[in-house]
Amino acid sequence: MSSEVTVRIPTILRTYTGGAAEVSVDPTSVDGGPVLAGVINALDADHPGIKARILDDGGALRRFVNIYVGDEDVRFAGGLETPTPGGSQISVIPAVAGG
């Protein structure tokens, strides 16, 4: 069984993915393993610079970035340790403010 996952990329970050709206990565190919941290590391290995737009200088998710593994918001799951089994769909969604 493949350990690859699919990551949906928001328009604002597609400059890092050559315009691709979805990319596949193997989180087991880099440090971090089959959890969200591994997905972000693999994503950055394939698309340099994107990690800095998702994580802050302290290595935590930026306030204005929401990430879902399937339908689950990782802020209410395991954060960067949220499991990402092969075949998972991960969505990176910029927070929208307004009123």
N, C-alpha and C. Protein backbone atom coordinates (compact mmCIF):
# COMPACT_ATOMS: atom_id res chain seq x y z
N MET A 1 0.85 -1.19 0.00
CA MET A 1 0.00 0.00 0.00
C MET A 1 0.89 1.25 0.00
N SER A 2 0.53 2.20 -0.81
CA SER A 2 1.31 3.42 -0.94
C SER A 2 1.13 4.31 0.29
N SER A 3 2.19 5.01 0.63
CA SER A 3 2.09 5.95 1.76
C SER A 3 1.86 7.37 1.27
N GLU A 4 1.67 7.53 -0.06
CA GLU A 4 1.44 8.87 -0.61
C GLU A 4 0.11 9.44 -0.15
N VAL A 5 0.12 10.76 0.02
CA VAL A 5 -1.10 11.51 0.35
C VAL A 5 -1.25 12.62 -0.68
N THR A 6 -2.45 13.12 -0.82
CA THR A 6 -2.72 14.23 -1.73
C THR A 6 -2.94 15.48 -0.91
N VAL A 7 -2.29 16.57 -1.33
CA VAL A 7 -2.42 17.84 -0.62
C VAL A 7 -3.06 18.85 -1.55
N ARG A 8 -4.17 19.42 -1.13
CA ARG A 8 -4.83 20.50 -1.88
C ARG A 8 -4.16 21.81 -1.50
N ILE A 9 -3.74 22.55 -2.50
CA ILE A 9 -2.98 23.79 -2.29
C ILE A 9 -3.89 24.99 -2.61
N PRO A 10 -3.97 25.96 -1.69
CA PRO A 10 -4.79 27.15 -1.99
C PRO A 10 -4.11 28.01 -3.05
N THR A 11 -4.90 28.78 -3.74
CA THR A 11 -4.40 29.63 -4.83
C THR A 11 -3.20 30.46 -4.41
N ILE A 12 -3.23 31.03 -3.23
CA ILE A 12 -2.15 31.92 -2.78
C ILE A 12 -0.80 31.21 -2.65
N LEU A 13 -0.80 29.89 -2.49
CA LEU A 13 0.45 29.14 -2.34
C LEU A 13 0.86 28.38 -3.61
N ARG A 14 0.08 28.49 -4.66
CA ARG A 14 0.37 27.73 -5.88
C ARG A 14 1.61 28.19 -6.62
N THR A 15 2.13 29.37 -6.28
CA THR A 15 3.39 29.79 -6.90
C THR A 15 4.51 28.83 -6.49
N TYR A 16 4.38 28.18 -5.34
CA TYR A 16 5.38 27.22 -4.87
C TYR A 16 5.24 25.86 -5.57
N THR A 17 4.06 25.57 -6.09
CA THR A 17 3.80 24.26 -6.71
C THR A 17 3.69 24.35 -8.23
N GLY A 18 4.20 25.43 -8.80
CA GLY A 18 4.13 25.58 -10.25
C GLY A 18 2.71 25.72 -10.75
N GLY A 19 1.81 26.20 -9.90
CA GLY A 19 0.42 26.40 -10.27
C GLY A 19 -0.48 25.22 -9.98
N ALA A 20 0.08 24.11 -9.51
CA ALA A 20 -0.72 22.92 -9.24
C ALA A 20 -1.66 23.13 -8.05
N ALA A 21 -2.92 22.74 -8.24
CA ALA A 21 -3.92 22.84 -7.18
C ALA A 21 -3.84 21.67 -6.22
N GLU A 22 -3.30 20.55 -6.68
CA GLU A 22 -3.11 19.37 -5.85
C GLU A 22 -1.75 18.76 -6.16
N VAL A 23 -1.09 18.30 -5.13
CA VAL A 23 0.18 17.60 -5.29
C VAL A 23 0.16 16.36 -4.41
N SER A 24 0.91 15.35 -4.81
CA SER A 24 1.05 14.14 -4.01
C SER A 24 2.44 14.12 -3.40
N VAL A 25 2.51 13.72 -2.15
CA VAL A 25 3.80 13.59 -1.46
C VAL A 25 3.79 12.31 -0.65
N ASP A 26 5.00 11.83 -0.35
CA ASP A 26 5.17 10.66 0.49
C ASP A 26 5.80 11.12 1.80
N PRO A 27 5.01 11.24 2.87
CA PRO A 27 5.54 11.75 4.13
C PRO A 27 6.59 10.85 4.76
N THR A 28 6.69 9.60 4.30
CA THR A 28 7.70 8.71 4.87
C THR A 28 9.06 8.89 4.19
N SER A 29 9.12 9.75 3.16
CA SER A 29 10.38 9.95 2.44
C SER A 29 11.30 10.95 3.13
N VAL A 30 10.82 11.61 4.16
CA VAL A 30 11.60 12.62 4.88
C VAL A 30 11.38 12.45 6.38
N ASP A 31 12.09 13.25 7.17
CA ASP A 31 11.89 13.22 8.62
C ASP A 31 10.45 13.61 8.94
N GLY A 32 9.86 12.93 9.84
CA GLY A 32 8.51 13.27 10.28
C GLY A 32 7.57 12.09 10.19
N GLY A 33 7.75 11.25 9.18
CA GLY A 33 6.91 10.06 9.05
C GLY A 33 5.49 10.34 8.64
N PRO A 34 4.60 9.33 8.79
CA PRO A 34 3.23 9.43 8.31
C PRO A 34 2.30 10.24 9.21
N VAL A 35 2.75 11.44 9.54
CA VAL A 35 1.94 12.40 10.29
C VAL A 35 2.03 13.73 9.54
N LEU A 36 1.24 14.71 9.95
CA LEU A 36 1.20 15.98 9.25
C LEU A 36 2.57 16.64 9.14
N ALA A 37 3.39 16.55 10.18
CA ALA A 37 4.74 17.14 10.12
C ALA A 37 5.53 16.54 8.97
N GLY A 38 5.41 15.23 8.76
CA GLY A 38 6.10 14.58 7.65
C GLY A 38 5.57 15.03 6.30
N VAL A 39 4.26 15.24 6.22
CA VAL A 39 3.66 15.74 4.97
C VAL A 39 4.22 17.12 4.65
N ILE A 40 4.28 17.99 5.65
CA ILE A 40 4.79 19.35 5.41
C ILE A 40 6.27 19.31 5.02
N ASN A 41 7.06 18.45 5.66
CA ASN A 41 8.47 18.31 5.29
C ASN A 41 8.62 17.79 3.87
N ALA A 42 7.82 16.79 3.49
CA ALA A 42 7.88 16.24 2.14
C ALA A 42 7.42 17.28 1.12
N LEU A 43 6.40 18.03 1.48
CA LEU A 43 5.90 19.09 0.60
C LEU A 43 6.99 20.13 0.35
N ASP A 44 7.70 20.50 1.41
CA ASP A 44 8.76 21.49 1.28
C ASP A 44 9.97 20.93 0.52
N ALA A 45 10.23 19.63 0.65
CA ALA A 45 11.33 19.02 -0.10
C ALA A 45 11.05 19.08 -1.60
N ASP A 46 9.78 18.89 -1.98
CA ASP A 46 9.40 18.93 -3.39
C ASP A 46 9.12 20.35 -3.89
N HIS A 47 8.72 21.23 -2.98
CA HIS A 47 8.32 22.60 -3.33
C HIS A 47 8.92 23.57 -2.31
N PRO A 48 10.23 23.82 -2.43
CA PRO A 48 10.95 24.63 -1.44
C PRO A 48 10.29 25.99 -1.16
N GLY A 49 10.21 26.29 0.14
CA GLY A 49 9.68 27.58 0.57
C GLY A 49 8.25 27.52 1.08
N ILE A 50 7.52 26.47 0.71
CA ILE A 50 6.11 26.42 1.10
C ILE A 50 5.94 26.20 2.60
N LYS A 51 6.87 25.47 3.22
CA LYS A 51 6.79 25.20 4.66
C LYS A 51 6.77 26.49 5.47
N ALA A 52 7.58 27.47 5.07
CA ALA A 52 7.66 28.74 5.79
C ALA A 52 6.35 29.52 5.70
N ARG A 53 5.53 29.22 4.72
CA ARG A 53 4.23 29.88 4.60
C ARG A 53 3.14 29.18 5.42
N ILE A 54 3.42 27.94 5.83
CA ILE A 54 2.46 27.15 6.60
C ILE A 54 2.79 27.17 8.09
N LEU A 55 4.08 27.11 8.41
CA LEU A 55 4.52 27.10 9.80
C LEU A 55 5.20 28.41 10.16
N ASP A 56 5.08 28.82 11.42
CA ASP A 56 5.75 30.05 11.86
C ASP A 56 7.20 29.73 12.24
N ASP A 57 7.94 30.74 12.69
CA ASP A 57 9.35 30.56 13.03
C ASP A 57 9.57 29.56 14.16
N GLY A 58 8.56 29.35 14.98
CA GLY A 58 8.66 28.40 16.08
C GLY A 58 8.26 26.98 15.68
N GLY A 59 7.87 26.79 14.42
CA GLY A 59 7.49 25.47 13.94
C GLY A 59 6.05 25.10 14.18
N ALA A 60 5.22 26.07 14.60
CA ALA A 60 3.79 25.82 14.82
C ALA A 60 3.00 26.29 13.60
N LEU A 61 1.79 25.76 13.45
CA LEU A 61 0.93 26.21 12.36
C LEU A 61 0.68 27.71 12.50
N ARG A 62 0.77 28.41 11.39
CA ARG A 62 0.47 29.85 11.41
C ARG A 62 -1.00 30.03 11.77
N ARG A 63 -1.29 31.13 12.45
CA ARG A 63 -2.66 31.42 12.90
C ARG A 63 -3.66 31.45 11.75
N PHE A 64 -3.22 31.96 10.60
CA PHE A 64 -4.13 32.18 9.49
C PHE A 64 -4.18 31.02 8.50
N VAL A 65 -3.60 29.88 8.86
CA VAL A 65 -3.63 28.70 8.00
C VAL A 65 -4.37 27.58 8.72
N ASN A 66 -5.37 27.03 8.07
CA ASN A 66 -6.10 25.89 8.59
C ASN A 66 -5.74 24.68 7.74
N ILE A 67 -5.55 23.54 8.38
CA ILE A 67 -5.24 22.32 7.66
C ILE A 67 -6.20 21.24 8.12
N TYR A 68 -6.73 20.52 7.13
CA TYR A 68 -7.64 19.42 7.39
C TYR A 68 -7.04 18.14 6.84
N VAL A 69 -7.13 17.07 7.61
CA VAL A 69 -6.81 15.73 7.14
C VAL A 69 -8.18 15.07 7.00
N GLY A 70 -8.58 14.83 5.77
CA GLY A 70 -9.95 14.42 5.52
C GLY A 70 -10.86 15.58 5.89
N ASP A 71 -11.80 15.32 6.77
CA ASP A 71 -12.73 16.37 7.23
C ASP A 71 -12.36 16.90 8.61
N GLU A 72 -11.20 16.48 9.13
CA GLU A 72 -10.83 16.84 10.50
C GLU A 72 -9.83 17.99 10.55
N ASP A 73 -10.19 19.04 11.27
CA ASP A 73 -9.31 20.18 11.49
C ASP A 73 -8.19 19.73 12.43
N VAL A 74 -6.94 19.83 11.97
CA VAL A 74 -5.83 19.32 12.77
C VAL A 74 -5.64 20.08 14.07
N ARG A 75 -6.15 21.30 14.17
CA ARG A 75 -6.03 22.05 15.43
C ARG A 75 -6.80 21.36 16.55
N PHE A 76 -7.82 20.59 16.18
CA PHE A 76 -8.64 19.88 17.17
C PHE A 76 -8.34 18.39 17.17
N ALA A 77 -7.36 17.99 16.38
CA ALA A 77 -6.93 16.59 16.34
C ALA A 77 -5.56 16.54 17.02
N GLY A 78 -4.56 16.10 16.31
CA GLY A 78 -3.24 15.97 16.90
C GLY A 78 -2.25 17.02 16.47
N GLY A 79 -2.73 18.11 15.86
CA GLY A 79 -1.81 19.14 15.38
C GLY A 79 -0.86 18.56 14.36
N LEU A 80 0.42 18.86 14.49
CA LEU A 80 1.42 18.37 13.54
C LEU A 80 1.64 16.86 13.66
N GLU A 81 1.12 16.26 14.74
CA GLU A 81 1.24 14.81 14.92
C GLU A 81 -0.01 14.07 14.45
N THR A 82 -0.93 14.77 13.77
CA THR A 82 -2.13 14.13 13.24
C THR A 82 -1.72 13.06 12.23
N PRO A 83 -2.18 11.82 12.39
CA PRO A 83 -1.83 10.75 11.45
C PRO A 83 -2.31 11.07 10.02
N THR A 84 -1.48 10.71 9.05
CA THR A 84 -1.81 10.91 7.64
C THR A 84 -1.54 9.60 6.90
N PRO A 85 -2.43 8.61 7.07
CA PRO A 85 -2.22 7.33 6.41
C PRO A 85 -2.25 7.49 4.89
N GLY A 86 -1.59 6.56 4.20
CA GLY A 86 -1.58 6.58 2.74
C GLY A 86 -2.98 6.75 2.18
N GLY A 87 -3.10 7.58 1.16
CA GLY A 87 -4.39 7.84 0.54
C GLY A 87 -5.14 9.01 1.16
N SER A 88 -4.61 9.59 2.23
CA SER A 88 -5.29 10.72 2.88
C SER A 88 -5.36 11.92 1.96
N GLN A 89 -6.41 12.70 2.13
CA GLN A 89 -6.59 13.97 1.43
C GLN A 89 -6.36 15.06 2.46
N ILE A 90 -5.36 15.91 2.21
CA ILE A 90 -5.03 17.00 3.12
C ILE A 90 -5.35 18.30 2.42
N SER A 91 -6.03 19.19 3.11
CA SER A 91 -6.38 20.49 2.54
C SER A 91 -5.75 21.60 3.36
N VAL A 92 -5.03 22.48 2.67
CA VAL A 92 -4.46 23.67 3.28
C VAL A 92 -5.38 24.82 2.91
N ILE A 93 -5.94 25.48 3.92
CA ILE A 93 -6.95 26.50 3.66
C ILE A 93 -6.57 27.78 4.42
N PRO A 94 -6.36 28.88 3.68
CA PRO A 94 -6.07 30.13 4.40
C PRO A 94 -7.34 30.60 5.12
N ALA A 95 -7.14 31.10 6.33
CA ALA A 95 -8.27 31.64 7.10
C ALA A 95 -8.78 32.89 6.43
N VAL A 96 -10.09 33.08 6.49
CA VAL A 96 -10.72 34.25 5.90
C VAL A 96 -11.32 35.08 7.02
N ALA A 97 -10.96 36.35 7.07
CA ALA A 97 -11.52 37.25 8.08
C ALA A 97 -12.50 38.19 7.40
N GLY A 98 -13.39 38.69 8.16
CA GLY A 98 -14.34 39.62 7.59
C GLY A 98 -15.54 39.77 8.51
N GLY A 99 -16.49 40.49 8.03
CA GLY A 99 -17.65 40.65 8.89
C GLY A 99 -18.70 41.47 8.24
